[in-house]
Amino acid sequence: MDGQKNYGLLEYLAANCGCMYISDLHQPEVLEKIKLLIPKIDPYSYSVWEWNDAVSYITGSSTAFETRKEAVDFLIKIRKNEKMEDMI
């Protein structure tokens, strides 16, 4: 995706989900936009650390994955108002 590497993952998600601030990624209504955007991102454009950071920031959990794919799959599957304990 063009311009992807010019941003960190959180910045990229915020910019492409129409968020004015990175903190807007916490908003439940932005989650659906995130879930639509994630599959369009090359997972290898960002490190596992950045993917884990995005999961933690967006969900508020300290979940950590060993692979990019695990983190990507997790972000695609999360649902609004779901408890993080139920996802892990």
Protein backbone atom coordinates (compact mmCIF):
# COMPACT_ATOMS: atom_id res chain seq x y z
CA MET A 1 0.00 0.00 0.00
CA ASP A 2 1.45 3.36 -0.97
CA GLY A 3 2.78 5.49 1.85
CA GLN A 4 2.48 2.66 4.33
CA LYS A 5 6.14 2.72 5.38
CA ASN A 6 6.10 6.49 5.87
CA TYR A 7 4.10 5.95 9.06
CA GLY A 8 4.26 3.73 12.09
CA LEU A 9 1.41 1.21 12.14
CA LEU A 10 -0.75 3.13 14.61
CA GLU A 11 -0.27 6.36 12.67
CA TYR A 12 -1.11 4.57 9.43
CA LEU A 13 -4.28 3.06 10.89
CA ALA A 14 -5.40 6.37 12.33
CA ALA A 15 -4.77 8.29 9.11
CA ASN A 16 -6.55 5.73 6.95
CA CYS A 17 -9.51 5.25 9.27
CA GLY A 18 -10.31 8.96 9.25
CA CYS A 19 -9.10 9.57 12.80
CA MET A 20 -7.94 13.02 13.75
CA TYR A 21 -5.80 11.60 16.56
CA ILE A 22 -4.25 8.21 17.27
CA SER A 23 -6.31 8.07 20.45
CA ASP A 24 -9.42 7.91 18.25
CA LEU A 25 -8.44 4.30 17.48
CA HIS A 26 -9.97 3.45 20.88
CA GLN A 27 -13.44 4.45 19.65
CA PRO A 28 -15.74 1.45 19.10
CA GLU A 29 -17.05 2.87 15.81
CA VAL A 30 -13.50 2.95 14.40
CA LEU A 31 -13.04 -0.78 15.01
CA GLU A 32 -14.98 -1.78 11.89
CA LYS A 33 -12.83 0.54 9.78
CA ILE A 34 -9.70 -0.98 11.30
CA LYS A 35 -10.95 -4.48 10.54
CA LEU A 36 -11.55 -3.55 6.89
CA LEU A 37 -8.18 -1.86 6.55
CA ILE A 38 -6.00 -4.54 8.18
CA PRO A 39 -6.28 -7.10 5.33
CA LYS A 40 -5.05 -4.47 2.88
CA ILE A 41 -1.80 -4.00 4.80
CA ASP A 42 1.23 -6.14 4.05
CA PRO A 43 1.95 -7.65 7.48
CA TYR A 44 5.68 -7.61 6.74
CA SER A 45 5.64 -3.82 6.33
CA TYR A 46 5.70 -3.64 10.13
CA SER A 47 7.56 -5.56 12.81
CA VAL A 48 5.94 -8.04 15.17
CA TRP A 49 6.58 -5.46 17.89
CA GLU A 50 4.53 -2.84 15.99
CA TRP A 51 1.68 -5.29 15.43
CA ASN A 52 1.69 -6.23 19.13
CA ASP A 53 1.78 -2.54 20.04
CA ALA A 54 -1.25 -1.92 17.81
CA VAL A 55 -3.17 -4.81 19.38
CA SER A 56 -2.36 -3.54 22.87
CA TYR A 57 -3.22 0.06 22.04
CA ILE A 58 -6.47 -0.68 20.22
CA THR A 59 -7.77 -3.32 22.64
CA GLY A 60 -6.28 -2.06 25.88
CA SER A 61 -4.88 -5.53 26.60
CA SER A 62 -1.28 -6.57 27.00
CA THR A 63 -1.68 -9.46 24.58
CA ALA A 64 1.49 -10.34 22.68
CA PHE A 65 1.79 -12.58 19.67
CA GLU A 66 4.83 -14.37 18.29
CA THR A 67 3.97 -13.75 14.64
CA ARG A 68 2.56 -10.95 12.54
CA LYS A 69 -0.16 -13.27 11.26
CA GLU A 70 -1.42 -14.02 14.76
CA ALA A 71 -1.69 -10.30 15.55
CA VAL A 72 -3.36 -9.51 12.21
CA ASP A 73 -5.87 -12.35 12.64
CA PHE A 74 -6.64 -11.19 16.17
CA LEU A 75 -7.35 -7.62 15.04
CA ILE A 76 -9.62 -8.82 12.25
CA LYS A 77 -11.61 -11.08 14.59
CA ILE A 78 -12.21 -8.76 17.56
CA ARG A 79 -15.74 -7.54 18.07
CA LYS A 80 -17.05 -4.36 19.60
CA ASN A 81 -17.64 -4.60 23.34
CA GLU A 82 -16.15 -8.08 23.56
CA LYS A 83 -14.09 -8.82 26.63
CA MET A 84 -10.46 -9.35 25.76
CA GLU A 85 -10.31 -12.41 28.01
CA ASP A 86 -12.83 -14.09 25.70
CA MET A 87 -10.59 -13.50 22.67
CA ILE A 88 -7.37 -14.91 24.08
